[in-house]
Each structure stands twice: as structure tokens, then as C-alpha cells.
Amino acid sequence: MSRNLAKIEDRPNLVKDVDSGAILLSNSIVADEYKLKKSMLNKNRKLDEELVEIKTKLADVDSIKADMKEIKELLGRILTK
């Protein structure tokens, strides 16, 4: 299937499919670079989300540790009375 493509002024890496109106990358290397960058951004986003989750869990652990310390102190006071 042959496409009817038109160059886009001032955008050398883009062409327009005249039949569908779609804007396409004109160069497969540019398209591959775009896909790679998009993939890397998605991976970075996922890593950022995982980091936030880990930080939240660490905060929960710190809170539990503080609660345990308080419980130990209260038990110590009860035992000394």
C-alpha cells in the first residue's frame, strides 16, 4: 500500500499522510530514537513510583519502631512500680 505523504514545513523529521491526516516520523532512525526515549521515560516513571512506595514503607517502619519504643518504655515503667 502506497501512502500519499507530504512534507511538513519547518519540521524535517515529520510528514503528513494526506489520506488519513496522520502526522508521521519520516525517518526510521528518528522513530526508533523516539520509541527508545519514550520507553526510558516510562521506566523512569515506574522507578520513581517504586521509590515513592519504598519511602512510604520506610516511613511506616519508622513509625512502628517509634511505637514499639514507646510500648517498651511504658512496660518498663509498669514493671518498676
PDB file of N, CA and C in Angstrom:
ATOM      1  N   MET A   1       0.845  -1.180   0.000  1.00  0.00           N
ATOM      2  CA  MET A   1       0.000   0.000   0.000  1.00  0.00           C
ATOM      3  C   MET A   1       0.888   1.240   0.000  1.00  0.00           C
ATOM      4  N   SER A   2       0.697   2.070  -0.962  1.00  0.00           N
ATOM      5  CA  SER A   2       1.494   3.284  -1.092  1.00  0.00           C
ATOM      6  C   SER A   2       0.777   4.428  -0.381  1.00  0.00           C
ATOM      7  N   ARG A   3       1.556   5.174   0.364  1.00  0.00           N
ATOM      8  CA  ARG A   3       0.979   6.313   1.085  1.00  0.00           C
ATOM      9  C   ARG A   3       1.246   7.599   0.324  1.00  0.00           C
ATOM     10  N   ASN A   4       0.313   8.503   0.421  1.00  0.00           N
ATOM     11  CA  ASN A   4       0.450   9.819  -0.163  1.00  0.00           C
ATOM     12  C   ASN A   4       0.946  10.750   0.948  1.00  0.00           C
ATOM     13  N   LEU A   5       2.269  10.996   0.982  1.00  0.00           N
ATOM     14  CA  LEU A   5       2.891  11.750   2.066  1.00  0.00           C
ATOM     15  C   LEU A   5       3.289  13.142   1.599  1.00  0.00           C
ATOM     16  N   ALA A   6       3.147  14.101   2.495  1.00  0.00           N
ATOM     17  CA  ALA A   6       3.555  15.473   2.204  1.00  0.00           C
ATOM     18  C   ALA A   6       4.511  15.943   3.289  1.00  0.00           C
ATOM     19  N   LYS A   7       5.556  16.642   2.890  1.00  0.00           N
ATOM     20  CA  LYS A   7       6.499  17.195   3.859  1.00  0.00           C
ATOM     21  C   LYS A   7       5.816  18.297   4.662  1.00  0.00           C
ATOM     22  N   ILE A   8       6.256  18.433   5.911  1.00  0.00           N
ATOM     23  CA  ILE A   8       5.719  19.489   6.776  1.00  0.00           C
ATOM     24  C   ILE A   8       6.785  20.577   6.864  1.00  0.00           C
ATOM     25  N   GLU A   9       6.379  21.787   6.523  1.00  0.00           N
ATOM     26  CA  GLU A   9       7.310  22.914   6.511  1.00  0.00           C
ATOM     27  C   GLU A   9       7.910  23.136   7.896  1.00  0.00           C
ATOM     28  N   ASP A  10       9.206  23.370   7.945  1.00  0.00           N
ATOM     29  CA  ASP A  10       9.965  23.645   9.174  1.00  0.00           C
ATOM     30  C   ASP A  10      10.037  22.447  10.116  1.00  0.00           C
ATOM     31  N   ARG A  11       9.644  21.271   9.689  1.00  0.00           N
ATOM     32  CA  ARG A  11       9.721  20.058  10.510  1.00  0.00           C
ATOM     33  C   ARG A  11      10.277  18.929   9.638  1.00  0.00           C
ATOM     34  N   PRO A  12      11.590  18.898   9.452  1.00  0.00           N
ATOM     35  CA  PRO A  12      12.174  17.945   8.504  1.00  0.00           C
ATOM     36  C   PRO A  12      11.980  16.475   8.890  1.00  0.00           C
ATOM     37  N   ASN A  13      11.732  16.177  10.161  1.00  0.00           N
ATOM     38  CA  ASN A  13      11.568  14.787  10.598  1.00  0.00           C
ATOM     39  C   ASN A  13      10.121  14.309  10.550  1.00  0.00           C
ATOM     40  N   LEU A  14       9.210  15.178  10.106  1.00  0.00           N
ATOM     41  CA  LEU A  14       7.796  14.813  10.077  1.00  0.00           C
ATOM     42  C   LEU A  14       7.226  14.910   8.670  1.00  0.00           C
ATOM     43  N   VAL A  15       6.271  14.026   8.403  1.00  0.00           N
ATOM     44  CA  VAL A  15       5.494  14.074   7.154  1.00  0.00           C
ATOM     45  C   VAL A  15       4.027  13.871   7.509  1.00  0.00           C
ATOM     46  N   LYS A  16       3.170  14.286   6.593  1.00  0.00           N
ATOM     47  CA  LYS A  16       1.736  14.120   6.823  1.00  0.00           C
ATOM     48  C   LYS A  16       1.179  13.142   5.796  1.00  0.00           C
ATOM     49  N   ASP A  17       0.437  12.155   6.297  1.00  0.00           N
ATOM     50  CA  ASP A  17      -0.276  11.241   5.415  1.00  0.00           C
ATOM     51  C   ASP A  17      -1.519  11.992   4.948  1.00  0.00           C
ATOM     52  N   VAL A  18      -1.512  12.366   3.673  1.00  0.00           N
ATOM     53  CA  VAL A  18      -2.577  13.211   3.138  1.00  0.00           C
ATOM     54  C   VAL A  18      -3.936  12.516   3.212  1.00  0.00           C
ATOM     55  N   ASP A  19      -3.950  11.196   3.050  1.00  0.00           N
ATOM     56  CA  ASP A  19      -5.214  10.464   3.053  1.00  0.00           C
ATOM     57  C   ASP A  19      -5.848  10.394   4.443  1.00  0.00           C
ATOM     58  N   SER A  20      -5.036  10.098   5.475  1.00  0.00           N
ATOM     59  CA  SER A  20      -5.586   9.926   6.822  1.00  0.00           C
ATOM     60  C   SER A  20      -5.438  11.171   7.690  1.00  0.00           C
ATOM     61  N   GLY A  21      -4.512  12.060   7.304  1.00  0.00           N
ATOM     62  CA  GLY A  21      -4.249  13.246   8.117  1.00  0.00           C
ATOM     63  C   GLY A  21      -3.262  12.989   9.240  1.00  0.00           C
ATOM     64  N   ALA A  22      -2.746  11.764   9.330  1.00  0.00           N
ATOM     65  CA  ALA A  22      -1.817  11.409  10.400  1.00  0.00           C
ATOM     66  C   ALA A  22      -0.460  12.081  10.192  1.00  0.00           C
ATOM     67  N   ILE A  23       0.145  12.492  11.279  1.00  0.00           N
ATOM     68  CA  ILE A  23       1.495  13.038  11.254  1.00  0.00           C
ATOM     69  C   ILE A  23       2.436  11.887  11.599  1.00  0.00           C
ATOM     70  N   LEU A  24       3.437  11.677  10.764  1.00  0.00           N
ATOM     71  CA  LEU A  24       4.341  10.540  10.926  1.00  0.00           C
ATOM     72  C   LEU A  24       5.790  11.009  10.965  1.00  0.00           C
ATOM     73  N   LEU A  25       6.618  10.211  11.623  1.00  0.00           N
ATOM     74  CA  LEU A  25       8.057  10.463  11.572  1.00  0.00           C
ATOM     75  C   LEU A  25       8.555   9.992  10.213  1.00  0.00           C
ATOM     76  N   SER A  26       9.369  10.795   9.567  1.00  0.00           N
ATOM     77  CA  SER A  26       9.801  10.496   8.212  1.00  0.00           C
ATOM     78  C   SER A  26      11.020   9.590   8.157  1.00  0.00           C
ATOM     79  N   ASN A  27      11.653   9.374   9.281  1.00  0.00           N
ATOM     80  CA  ASN A  27      12.913   8.648   9.298  1.00  0.00           C
ATOM     81  C   ASN A  27      12.816   7.538  10.334  1.00  0.00           C
ATOM     82  N   SER A  28      13.149   6.317   9.954  1.00  0.00           N
ATOM     83  CA  SER A  28      13.025   5.195  10.896  1.00  0.00           C
ATOM     84  C   SER A  28      14.005   5.323  12.059  1.00  0.00           C
ATOM     85  N   ILE A  29      15.164   5.947  11.834  1.00  0.00           N
ATOM     86  CA  ILE A  29      16.125   6.142  12.929  1.00  0.00           C
ATOM     87  C   ILE A  29      15.534   7.095  13.963  1.00  0.00           C
ATOM     88  N   VAL A  30      14.921   8.164  13.480  1.00  0.00           N
ATOM     89  CA  VAL A  30      14.275   9.119  14.389  1.00  0.00           C
ATOM     90  C   VAL A  30      13.135   8.428  15.133  1.00  0.00           C
ATOM     91  N   ALA A  31      12.378   7.598  14.435  1.00  0.00           N
ATOM     92  CA  ALA A  31      11.270   6.879  15.064  1.00  0.00           C
ATOM     93  C   ALA A  31      11.798   5.933  16.142  1.00  0.00           C
ATOM     94  N   ASP A  32      12.884   5.227  15.843  1.00  0.00           N
ATOM     95  CA  ASP A  32      13.478   4.316  16.829  1.00  0.00           C
ATOM     96  C   ASP A  32      13.996   5.080  18.046  1.00  0.00           C
ATOM     97  N   GLU A  33      14.620   6.236  17.805  1.00  0.00           N
ATOM     98  CA  GLU A  33      15.103   7.067  18.919  1.00  0.00           C
ATOM     99  C   GLU A  33      13.935   7.539  19.776  1.00  0.00           C
ATOM    100  N   TYR A  34      12.853   7.940  19.131  1.00  0.00           N
ATOM    101  CA  TYR A  34      11.666   8.380  19.858  1.00  0.00           C
ATOM    102  C   TYR A  34      11.114   7.255  20.727  1.00  0.00           C
ATOM    103  N   LYS A  35      10.995   6.056  20.138  1.00  0.00           N
ATOM    104  CA  LYS A  35      10.485   4.915  20.889  1.00  0.00           C
ATOM    105  C   LYS A  35      11.383   4.590  22.075  1.00  0.00           C
ATOM    106  N   LEU A  36      12.704   4.664  21.871  1.00  0.00           N
ATOM    107  CA  LEU A  36      13.649   4.390  22.951  1.00  0.00           C
ATOM    108  C   LEU A  36      13.514   5.421  24.068  1.00  0.00           C
ATOM    109  N   LYS A  37      13.435   6.693  23.694  1.00  0.00           N
ATOM    110  CA  LYS A  37      13.279   7.750  24.700  1.00  0.00           C
ATOM    111  C   LYS A  37      11.980   7.572  25.482  1.00  0.00           C
ATOM    112  N   LYS A  38      10.906   7.247  24.758  1.00  0.00           N
ATOM    113  CA  LYS A  38       9.608   7.050  25.416  1.00  0.00           C
ATOM    114  C   LYS A  38       9.680   5.873  26.379  1.00  0.00           C
ATOM    115  N   SER A  39      10.326   4.793  25.955  1.00  0.00           N
ATOM    116  CA  SER A  39      10.491   3.626  26.815  1.00  0.00           C
ATOM    117  C   SER A  39      11.290   3.969  28.064  1.00  0.00           C
ATOM    118  N   MET A  40      12.359   4.731  27.883  1.00  0.00           N
ATOM    119  CA  MET A  40      13.195   5.117  29.025  1.00  0.00           C
ATOM    120  C   MET A  40      12.412   6.013  29.986  1.00  0.00           C
ATOM    121  N   LEU A  41      11.613   6.932  29.437  1.00  0.00           N
ATOM    122  CA  LEU A  41      10.804   7.797  30.293  1.00  0.00           C
ATOM    123  C   LEU A  41       9.795   6.983  31.094  1.00  0.00           C
ATOM    124  N   ASN A  42       9.180   5.995  30.454  1.00  0.00           N
ATOM    125  CA  ASN A  42       8.224   5.133  31.155  1.00  0.00           C
ATOM    126  C   ASN A  42       8.917   4.344  32.264  1.00  0.00           C
ATOM    127  N   LYS A  43      10.112   3.841  31.989  1.00  0.00           N
ATOM    128  CA  LYS A  43      10.865   3.105  33.010  1.00  0.00           C
ATOM    129  C   LYS A  43      11.231   4.024  34.161  1.00  0.00           C
ATOM    130  N   ASN A  44      11.654   5.263  33.843  1.00  0.00           N
ATOM    131  CA  ASN A  44      11.985   6.225  34.899  1.00  0.00           C
ATOM    132  C   ASN A  44      10.758   6.547  35.745  1.00  0.00           C
ATOM    133  N   ARG A  45       9.598   6.684  35.087  1.00  0.00           N
ATOM    134  CA  ARG A  45       8.364   6.964  35.810  1.00  0.00           C
ATOM    135  C   ARG A  45       8.035   5.821  36.771  1.00  0.00           C
ATOM    136  N   LYS A  46       8.199   4.590  36.292  1.00  0.00           N
ATOM    137  CA  LYS A  46       7.934   3.427  37.134  1.00  0.00           C
ATOM    138  C   LYS A  46       8.913   3.373  38.300  1.00  0.00           C
ATOM    139  N   LEU A  47      10.181   3.667  38.031  1.00  0.00           N
ATOM    140  CA  LEU A  47      11.175   3.681  39.104  1.00  0.00           C
ATOM    141  C   LEU A  47      10.851   4.754  40.142  1.00  0.00           C
ATOM    142  N   ASP A  48      10.404   5.921  39.678  1.00  0.00           N
ATOM    143  CA  ASP A  48      10.011   6.986  40.602  1.00  0.00           C
ATOM    144  C   ASP A  48       8.841   6.545  41.481  1.00  0.00           C
ATOM    145  N   GLU A  49       7.868   5.855  40.870  1.00  0.00           N
ATOM    146  CA  GLU A  49       6.726   5.360  41.640  1.00  0.00           C
ATOM    147  C   GLU A  49       7.172   4.320  42.667  1.00  0.00           C
ATOM    148  N   GLU A  50       8.090   3.439  42.267  1.00  0.00           N
ATOM    149  CA  GLU A  50       8.599   2.429  43.199  1.00  0.00           C
ATOM    150  C   GLU A  50       9.377   3.082  44.334  1.00  0.00           C
ATOM    151  N   LEU A  51      10.127   4.125  44.024  1.00  0.00           N
ATOM    152  CA  LEU A  51      10.883   4.839  45.055  1.00  0.00           C
ATOM    153  C   LEU A  51       9.950   5.487  46.063  1.00  0.00           C
ATOM    154  N   VAL A  52       8.872   6.083  45.589  1.00  0.00           N
ATOM    155  CA  VAL A  52       7.885   6.690  46.494  1.00  0.00           C
ATOM    156  C   VAL A  52       7.283   5.613  47.391  1.00  0.00           C
ATOM    157  N   GLU A  53       6.981   4.456  46.800  1.00  0.00           N
ATOM    158  CA  GLU A  53       6.407   3.352  47.585  1.00  0.00           C
ATOM    159  C   GLU A  53       7.398   2.874  48.653  1.00  0.00           C
ATOM    160  N   ILE A  54       8.659   2.764  48.296  1.00  0.00           N
ATOM    161  CA  ILE A  54       9.681   2.335  49.260  1.00  0.00           C
ATOM    162  C   ILE A  54       9.816   3.360  50.379  1.00  0.00           C
ATOM    163  N   LYS A  55       9.823   4.638  50.025  1.00  0.00           N
ATOM    164  CA  LYS A  55       9.920   5.686  51.047  1.00  0.00           C
ATOM    165  C   LYS A  55       8.727   5.641  51.995  1.00  0.00           C
ATOM    166  N   THR A  56       7.541   5.383  51.456  1.00  0.00           N
ATOM    167  CA  THR A  56       6.336   5.276  52.284  1.00  0.00           C
ATOM    168  C   THR A  56       6.457   4.104  53.244  1.00  0.00           C
ATOM    169  N   LYS A  57       6.937   2.976  52.739  1.00  0.00           N
ATOM    170  CA  LYS A  57       7.101   1.791  53.594  1.00  0.00           C
ATOM    171  C   LYS A  57       8.150   2.035  54.663  1.00  0.00           C
ATOM    172  N   LEU A  58       9.233   2.730  54.327  1.00  0.00           N
ATOM    173  CA  LEU A  58      10.253   3.052  55.327  1.00  0.00           C
ATOM    174  C   LEU A  58       9.684   3.968  56.409  1.00  0.00           C
ATOM    175  N   ALA A  59       8.854   4.910  56.007  1.00  0.00           N
ATOM    176  CA  ALA A  59       8.218   5.793  56.987  1.00  0.00           C
ATOM    177  C   ALA A  59       7.309   4.983  57.909  1.00  0.00           C
ATOM    178  N   ASP A  60       6.603   4.006  57.348  1.00  0.00           N
ATOM    179  CA  ASP A  60       5.753   3.125  58.159  1.00  0.00           C
ATOM    180  C   ASP A  60       6.596   2.326  59.158  1.00  0.00           C
ATOM    181  N   VAL A  61       7.720   1.806  58.704  1.00  0.00           N
ATOM    182  CA  VAL A  61       8.610   1.045  59.590  1.00  0.00           C
ATOM    183  C   VAL A  61       9.131   1.941  60.704  1.00  0.00           C
ATOM    184  N   ASP A  62       9.522   3.164  60.363  1.00  0.00           N
ATOM    185  CA  ASP A  62       9.998   4.102  61.388  1.00  0.00           C
ATOM    186  C   ASP A  62       8.899   4.390  62.414  1.00  0.00           C
ATOM    187  N   SER A  63       7.673   4.520  61.936  1.00  0.00           N
ATOM    188  CA  SER A  63       6.549   4.765  62.835  1.00  0.00           C
ATOM    189  C   SER A  63       6.335   3.572  63.768  1.00  0.00           C
ATOM    190  N   ILE A  64       6.409   2.364  63.228  1.00  0.00           N
ATOM    191  CA  ILE A  64       6.254   1.158  64.041  1.00  0.00           C
ATOM    192  C   ILE A  64       7.378   1.067  65.075  1.00  0.00           C
ATOM    193  N   LYS A  65       8.594   1.399  64.666  1.00  0.00           N
ATOM    194  CA  LYS A  65       9.725   1.373  65.601  1.00  0.00           C
ATOM    195  C   LYS A  65       9.498   2.360  66.756  1.00  0.00           C
ATOM    196  N   ALA A  66       8.996   3.547  66.417  1.00  0.00           N
ATOM    197  CA  ALA A  66       8.732   4.539  67.454  1.00  0.00           C
ATOM    198  C   ALA A  66       7.636   4.050  68.400  1.00  0.00           C
ATOM    199  N   ASP A  67       6.609   3.425  67.850  1.00  0.00           N
ATOM    200  CA  ASP A  67       5.528   2.869  68.673  1.00  0.00           C
ATOM    201  C   ASP A  67       6.062   1.774  69.598  1.00  0.00           C
ATOM    202  N   MET A  68       6.914   0.901  69.065  1.00  0.00           N
ATOM    203  CA  MET A  68       7.492  -0.185  69.868  1.00  0.00           C
ATOM    204  C   MET A  68       8.357   0.383  70.994  1.00  0.00           C
ATOM    205  N   LYS A  69       9.104   1.424  70.694  1.00  0.00           N
ATOM    206  CA  LYS A  69       9.934   2.052  71.721  1.00  0.00           C
ATOM    207  C   LYS A  69       9.058   2.601  72.841  1.00  0.00           C
ATOM    208  N   GLU A  70       7.964   3.247  72.462  1.00  0.00           N
ATOM    209  CA  GLU A  70       7.046   3.801  73.464  1.00  0.00           C
ATOM    210  C   GLU A  70       6.423   2.686  74.304  1.00  0.00           C
ATOM    211  N   ILE A  71       6.035   1.585  73.669  1.00  0.00           N
ATOM    212  CA  ILE A  71       5.459   0.448  74.392  1.00  0.00           C
ATOM    213  C   ILE A  71       6.475  -0.123  75.373  1.00  0.00           C
ATOM    214  N   LYS A  72       7.733  -0.267  74.961  1.00  0.00           N
ATOM    215  CA  LYS A  72       8.783  -0.781  75.843  1.00  0.00           C
ATOM    216  C   LYS A  72       8.977   0.126  77.054  1.00  0.00           C
ATOM    217  N   GLU A  73       8.957   1.439  76.780  1.00  0.00           N
ATOM    218  CA  GLU A  73       9.109   2.382  77.885  1.00  0.00           C
ATOM    219  C   GLU A  73       7.953   2.271  78.870  1.00  0.00           C
ATOM    220  N   LEU A  74       6.735   2.161  78.355  1.00  0.00           N
ATOM    221  CA  LEU A  74       5.562   2.034  79.230  1.00  0.00           C
ATOM    222  C   LEU A  74       5.620   0.730  80.028  1.00  0.00           C
ATOM    223  N   LEU A  75       6.014  -0.373  79.381  1.00  0.00           N
ATOM    224  CA  LEU A  75       6.149  -1.640  80.097  1.00  0.00           C
ATOM    225  C   LEU A  75       7.242  -1.554  81.161  1.00  0.00           C
ATOM    226  N   GLY A  76       8.306  -0.881  80.842  1.00  0.00           N
ATOM    227  CA  GLY A  76       9.392  -0.691  81.824  1.00  0.00           C
ATOM    228  C   GLY A  76       8.900   0.078  83.041  1.00  0.00           C
ATOM    229  N   ARG A  77       8.102   1.092  82.825  1.00  0.00           N
ATOM    230  CA  ARG A  77       7.546   1.888  83.953  1.00  0.00           C
ATOM    231  C   ARG A  77       6.609   1.018  84.796  1.00  0.00           C
ATOM    232  N   ILE A  78       5.792   0.214  84.114  1.00  0.00           N
ATOM    233  CA  ILE A  78       4.861  -0.650  84.846  1.00  0.00           C
ATOM    234  C   ILE A  78       5.630  -1.638  85.708  1.00  0.00           C
ATOM    235  N   LEU A  79       6.674  -2.210  85.183  1.00  0.00           N
ATOM    236  CA  LEU A  79       7.463  -3.213  85.907  1.00  0.00           C
ATOM    237  C   LEU A  79       8.234  -2.619  87.082  1.00  0.00           C
ATOM    238  N   THR A  80       8.611  -1.357  87.009  1.00  0.00           N
ATOM    239  CA  THR A  80       9.364  -0.733  88.109  1.00  0.00           C
ATOM    240  C   THR A  80       8.460  -0.243  89.232  1.00  0.00           C
ATOM    241  N   LYS A  81       7.173  -0.221  89.020  1.00  0.00           N
ATOM    242  CA  LYS A  81       6.249   0.240  90.061  1.00  0.00           C
ATOM    243  C   LYS A  81       5.897  -0.833  91.010  1.00  0.00           C
TER     244      LYS A  81
END
